[in-house]
């Protein structure tokens, strides 16, 4: 199905910025997207405090 171009990836996965986290959650719960992907700003890692740098 994917090779034939019939798999709707654009409806399953949607990228969001970290600032759009609330929109991503809303879109997932409303069915607008199945899997919201959060993009982290360059140079930042989840769970790492600014103080530790």
PDB file of N, CA and C in Angstrom:
ATOM      1  N   UNK A   1       0.821  -1.183   0.000  1.00  0.00           N
ATOM      2  CA  UNK A   1       0.000   0.000   0.000  1.00  0.00           C
ATOM      3  C   UNK A   1       0.880   1.268   0.000  1.00  0.00           C
ATOM      4  N   UNK A   2       1.933   1.248   0.830  1.00  0.00           N
ATOM      5  CA  UNK A   2       2.820   2.407   0.890  1.00  0.00           C
ATOM      6  C   UNK A   2       3.551   2.606  -0.440  1.00  0.00           C
ATOM      7  N   UNK A   3       4.041   1.555  -1.028  1.00  0.00           N
ATOM      8  CA  UNK A   3       4.763   1.660  -2.303  1.00  0.00           C
ATOM      9  C   UNK A   3       3.869   2.177  -3.419  1.00  0.00           C
ATOM     10  N   UNK A   4       2.606   1.884  -3.334  1.00  0.00           N
ATOM     11  CA  UNK A   4       1.663   2.341  -4.355  1.00  0.00           C
ATOM     12  C   UNK A   4       1.211   3.787  -4.095  1.00  0.00           C
ATOM     13  N   UNK A   5       1.673   4.373  -2.988  1.00  0.00           N
ATOM     14  CA  UNK A   5       1.295   5.747  -2.669  1.00  0.00           C
ATOM     15  C   UNK A   5      -0.105   5.882  -2.115  1.00  0.00           C
ATOM     16  N   UNK A   6      -0.652   4.799  -1.578  1.00  0.00           N
ATOM     17  CA  UNK A   6      -2.024   4.816  -1.090  1.00  0.00           C
ATOM     18  C   UNK A   6      -2.122   4.901   0.428  1.00  0.00           C
ATOM     19  N   UNK A   7      -0.986   4.940   1.120  1.00  0.00           N
ATOM     20  CA  UNK A   7      -1.013   5.011   2.579  1.00  0.00           C
ATOM     21  C   UNK A   7      -1.003   6.472   3.007  1.00  0.00           C
ATOM     22  N   UNK A   8      -1.986   6.916   3.766  1.00  0.00           N
ATOM     23  CA  UNK A   8      -2.131   8.351   4.078  1.00  0.00           C
ATOM     24  C   UNK A   8      -1.246   8.826   5.246  1.00  0.00           C
ATOM     25  N   UNK A   9       0.076   8.803   5.066  1.00  0.00           N
ATOM     26  CA  UNK A   9       0.972   9.249   6.127  1.00  0.00           C
ATOM     27  C   UNK A   9       0.666  10.671   6.579  1.00  0.00           C
ATOM     28  N   UNK A  10       0.287  11.520   5.657  1.00  0.00           N
ATOM     29  CA  UNK A  10       0.018  12.918   6.002  1.00  0.00           C
ATOM     30  C   UNK A  10      -1.155  13.059   6.971  1.00  0.00           C
ATOM     31  N   UNK A  11      -2.034  12.082   7.040  1.00  0.00           N
ATOM     32  CA  UNK A  11      -3.152  12.119   7.976  1.00  0.00           C
ATOM     33  C   UNK A  11      -2.806  11.454   9.297  1.00  0.00           C
ATOM     34  N   UNK A  12      -1.754  10.650   9.326  1.00  0.00           N
ATOM     35  CA  UNK A  12      -1.379   9.932  10.536  1.00  0.00           C
ATOM     36  C   UNK A  12      -0.380  10.697  11.390  1.00  0.00           C
ATOM     37  N   UNK A  13       0.588  11.332  10.746  1.00  0.00           N
ATOM     38  CA  UNK A  13       1.680  11.996  11.447  1.00  0.00           C
ATOM     39  C   UNK A  13       1.646  13.485  11.135  1.00  0.00           C
ATOM     40  N   UNK A  14       1.754  14.289  12.184  1.00  0.00           N
ATOM     41  CA  UNK A  14       1.759  15.739  12.009  1.00  0.00           C
ATOM     42  C   UNK A  14       2.833  16.332  12.912  1.00  0.00           C
ATOM     43  N   UNK A  15       3.789  17.083  12.366  1.00  0.00           N
ATOM     44  CA  UNK A  15       4.814  17.706  13.208  1.00  0.00           C
ATOM     45  C   UNK A  15       4.300  18.994  13.864  1.00  0.00           C
ATOM     46  N   UNK A  16       4.730  19.227  15.096  1.00  0.00           N
ATOM     47  CA  UNK A  16       4.396  20.432  15.848  1.00  0.00           C
ATOM     48  C   UNK A  16       5.658  20.931  16.545  1.00  0.00           C
ATOM     49  N   UNK A  17       5.738  22.225  16.767  1.00  0.00           N
ATOM     50  CA  UNK A  17       6.831  22.762  17.572  1.00  0.00           C
ATOM     51  C   UNK A  17       6.479  22.557  19.037  1.00  0.00           C
ATOM     52  N   UNK A  18       7.466  22.710  19.901  1.00  0.00           N
ATOM     53  CA  UNK A  18       7.218  22.544  21.327  1.00  0.00           C
ATOM     54  C   UNK A  18       6.194  23.570  21.825  1.00  0.00           C
ATOM     55  N   UNK A  19       6.197  24.748  21.237  1.00  0.00           N
ATOM     56  CA  UNK A  19       5.228  25.781  21.629  1.00  0.00           C
ATOM     57  C   UNK A  19       3.796  25.400  21.237  1.00  0.00           C
ATOM     58  N   UNK A  20       3.632  24.452  20.329  1.00  0.00           N
ATOM     59  CA  UNK A  20       2.312  24.019  19.869  1.00  0.00           C
ATOM     60  C   UNK A  20       1.834  22.755  20.583  1.00  0.00           C
ATOM     61  N   UNK A  21       2.394  22.455  21.744  1.00  0.00           N
ATOM     62  CA  UNK A  21       2.073  21.204  22.428  1.00  0.00           C
ATOM     63  C   UNK A  21       0.580  21.074  22.741  1.00  0.00           C
ATOM     64  N   UNK A  22      -0.062  22.168  23.124  1.00  0.00           N
ATOM     65  CA  UNK A  22      -1.506  22.112  23.428  1.00  0.00           C
ATOM     66  C   UNK A  22      -2.320  21.862  22.165  1.00  0.00           C
ATOM     67  N   UNK A  23      -1.938  22.471  21.060  1.00  0.00           N
ATOM     68  CA  UNK A  23      -2.608  22.233  19.779  1.00  0.00           C
ATOM     69  C   UNK A  23      -2.428  20.781  19.353  1.00  0.00           C
ATOM     70  N   UNK A  24      -1.228  20.242  19.568  1.00  0.00           N
ATOM     71  CA  UNK A  24      -0.954  18.843  19.212  1.00  0.00           C
ATOM     72  C   UNK A  24      -1.861  17.899  19.997  1.00  0.00           C
ATOM     73  N   UNK A  25      -1.993  18.149  21.288  1.00  0.00           N
ATOM     74  CA  UNK A  25      -2.862  17.304  22.120  1.00  0.00           C
ATOM     75  C   UNK A  25      -4.318  17.416  21.673  1.00  0.00           C
ATOM     76  N   UNK A  26      -4.765  18.631  21.378  1.00  0.00           N
ATOM     77  CA  UNK A  26      -6.142  18.833  20.927  1.00  0.00           C
ATOM     78  C   UNK A  26      -6.391  18.111  19.604  1.00  0.00           C
ATOM     79  N   UNK A  27      -5.459  18.253  18.661  1.00  0.00           N
ATOM     80  CA  UNK A  27      -5.622  17.612  17.356  1.00  0.00           C
ATOM     81  C   UNK A  27      -5.657  16.092  17.473  1.00  0.00           C
ATOM     82  N   UNK A  28      -4.860  15.548  18.410  1.00  0.00           N
ATOM     83  CA  UNK A  28      -4.861  14.099  18.604  1.00  0.00           C
ATOM     84  C   UNK A  28      -6.209  13.643  19.175  1.00  0.00           C
ATOM     85  N   UNK A  29      -6.711  14.357  20.169  1.00  0.00           N
ATOM     86  CA  UNK A  29      -7.981  13.965  20.793  1.00  0.00           C
ATOM     87  C   UNK A  29      -9.183  14.181  19.876  1.00  0.00           C
ATOM     88  N   UNK A  30      -9.086  15.163  18.986  1.00  0.00           N
ATOM     89  CA  UNK A  30     -10.200  15.421  18.070  1.00  0.00           C
ATOM     90  C   UNK A  30     -10.171  14.508  16.842  1.00  0.00           C
ATOM     91  N   UNK A  31      -9.045  13.813  16.648  1.00  0.00           N
ATOM     92  CA  UNK A  31      -8.938  12.913  15.500  1.00  0.00           C
ATOM     93  C   UNK A  31      -8.330  13.561  14.267  1.00  0.00           C
ATOM     94  N   UNK A  32      -7.888  14.811  14.386  1.00  0.00           N
ATOM     95  CA  UNK A  32      -7.275  15.492  13.246  1.00  0.00           C
ATOM     96  C   UNK A  32      -5.966  14.812  12.845  1.00  0.00           C
ATOM     97  N   UNK A  33      -5.242  14.294  13.829  1.00  0.00           N
ATOM     98  CA  UNK A  33      -4.024  13.533  13.568  1.00  0.00           C
ATOM     99  C   UNK A  33      -3.981  12.355  14.518  1.00  0.00           C
ATOM    100  N   UNK A  34      -3.288  11.306  14.128  1.00  0.00           N
ATOM    101  CA  UNK A  34      -3.162  10.121  14.964  1.00  0.00           C
ATOM    102  C   UNK A  34      -1.945  10.236  15.880  1.00  0.00           C
ATOM    103  N   UNK A  35      -0.824  10.690  15.311  1.00  0.00           N
ATOM    104  CA  UNK A  35       0.436  10.759  16.046  1.00  0.00           C
ATOM    105  C   UNK A  35       1.074  12.120  15.887  1.00  0.00           C
ATOM    106  N   UNK A  36       0.875  13.014  16.858  1.00  0.00           N
ATOM    107  CA  UNK A  36       1.566  14.303  16.793  1.00  0.00           C
ATOM    108  C   UNK A  36       3.038  14.112  17.147  1.00  0.00           C
ATOM    109  N   UNK A  37       3.919  14.710  16.382  1.00  0.00           N
ATOM    110  CA  UNK A  37       5.358  14.638  16.605  1.00  0.00           C
ATOM    111  C   UNK A  37       5.827  16.016  17.061  1.00  0.00           C
ATOM    112  N   UNK A  38       6.415  16.085  18.259  1.00  0.00           N
ATOM    113  CA  UNK A  38       6.929  17.348  18.771  1.00  0.00           C
ATOM    114  C   UNK A  38       8.385  17.510  18.365  1.00  0.00           C
ATOM    115  N   UNK A  39       8.686  18.632  17.744  1.00  0.00           N
ATOM    116  CA  UNK A  39      10.065  18.947  17.364  1.00  0.00           C
ATOM    117  C   UNK A  39      10.678  19.825  18.443  1.00  0.00           C
ATOM    118  N   UNK A  40      11.794  19.374  18.975  1.00  0.00           N
ATOM    119  CA  UNK A  40      12.500  20.134  20.007  1.00  0.00           C
ATOM    120  C   UNK A  40      13.388  21.170  19.328  1.00  0.00           C
ATOM    121  N   UNK A  41      13.549  22.331  19.969  1.00  0.00           N
ATOM    122  CA  UNK A  41      14.463  23.338  19.419  1.00  0.00           C
ATOM    123  C   UNK A  41      15.884  22.779  19.349  1.00  0.00           C
ATOM    124  N   UNK A  42      16.648  23.229  18.397  1.00  0.00           N
ATOM    125  CA  UNK A  42      18.019  22.749  18.220  1.00  0.00           C
ATOM    126  C   UNK A  42      18.832  23.002  19.487  1.00  0.00           C
ATOM    127  N   UNK A  43      19.595  22.008  19.888  1.00  0.00           N
ATOM    128  CA  UNK A  43      20.469  22.144  21.040  1.00  0.00           C
ATOM    129  C   UNK A  43      19.831  21.812  22.372  1.00  0.00           C
ATOM    130  N   UNK A  44      18.548  21.544  22.414  1.00  0.00           N
ATOM    131  CA  UNK A  44      17.883  21.203  23.668  1.00  0.00           C
ATOM    132  C   UNK A  44      17.535  19.735  23.680  1.00  0.00           C
ATOM    133  N   UNK A  45      17.640  19.141  24.859  1.00  0.00           N
ATOM    134  CA  UNK A  45      17.312  17.746  25.038  1.00  0.00           C
ATOM    135  C   UNK A  45      16.261  17.623  26.129  1.00  0.00           C
ATOM    136  N   UNK A  46      15.258  16.751  25.950  1.00  0.00           N
ATOM    137  CA  UNK A  46      14.231  16.592  26.974  1.00  0.00           C
ATOM    138  C   UNK A  46      14.847  16.112  28.292  1.00  0.00           C
ATOM    139  N   UNK A  47      14.358  16.651  29.398  1.00  0.00           N
ATOM    140  CA  UNK A  47      14.810  16.217  30.706  1.00  0.00           C
ATOM    141  C   UNK A  47      16.130  16.814  31.158  1.00  0.00           C
ATOM    142  N   UNK A  48      16.677  17.710  30.383  1.00  0.00           N
ATOM    143  CA  UNK A  48      17.965  18.316  30.725  1.00  0.00           C
ATOM    144  C   UNK A  48      17.747  19.764  31.140  1.00  0.00           C
ATOM    145  N   UNK A  49      18.124  20.077  32.331  1.00  0.00           N
ATOM    146  CA  UNK A  49      17.910  21.409  32.884  1.00  0.00           C
ATOM    147  C   UNK A  49      18.895  22.410  32.297  1.00  0.00           C
ATOM    148  N   UNK A  50      18.471  23.651  32.161  1.00  0.00           N
ATOM    149  CA  UNK A  50      19.348  24.719  31.706  1.00  0.00           C
ATOM    150  C   UNK A  50      20.474  24.954  32.707  1.00  0.00           C
ATOM    151  N   UNK A  51      20.236  24.671  33.983  1.00  0.00           N
ATOM    152  CA  UNK A  51      21.222  24.895  35.030  1.00  0.00           C
ATOM    153  C   UNK A  51      22.418  23.963  34.872  1.00  0.00           C
ATOM    154  N   UNK A  52      22.171  22.755  34.356  1.00  0.00           N
ATOM    155  CA  UNK A  52      23.228  21.750  34.235  1.00  0.00           C
ATOM    156  C   UNK A  52      24.179  21.998  33.081  1.00  0.00           C
ATOM    157  N   UNK A  53      23.993  23.019  32.291  1.00  0.00           N
ATOM    158  CA  UNK A  53      24.833  23.236  31.117  1.00  0.00           C
ATOM    159  C   UNK A  53      26.099  23.957  31.456  1.00  0.00           C
TER     160      UNK A  53
END
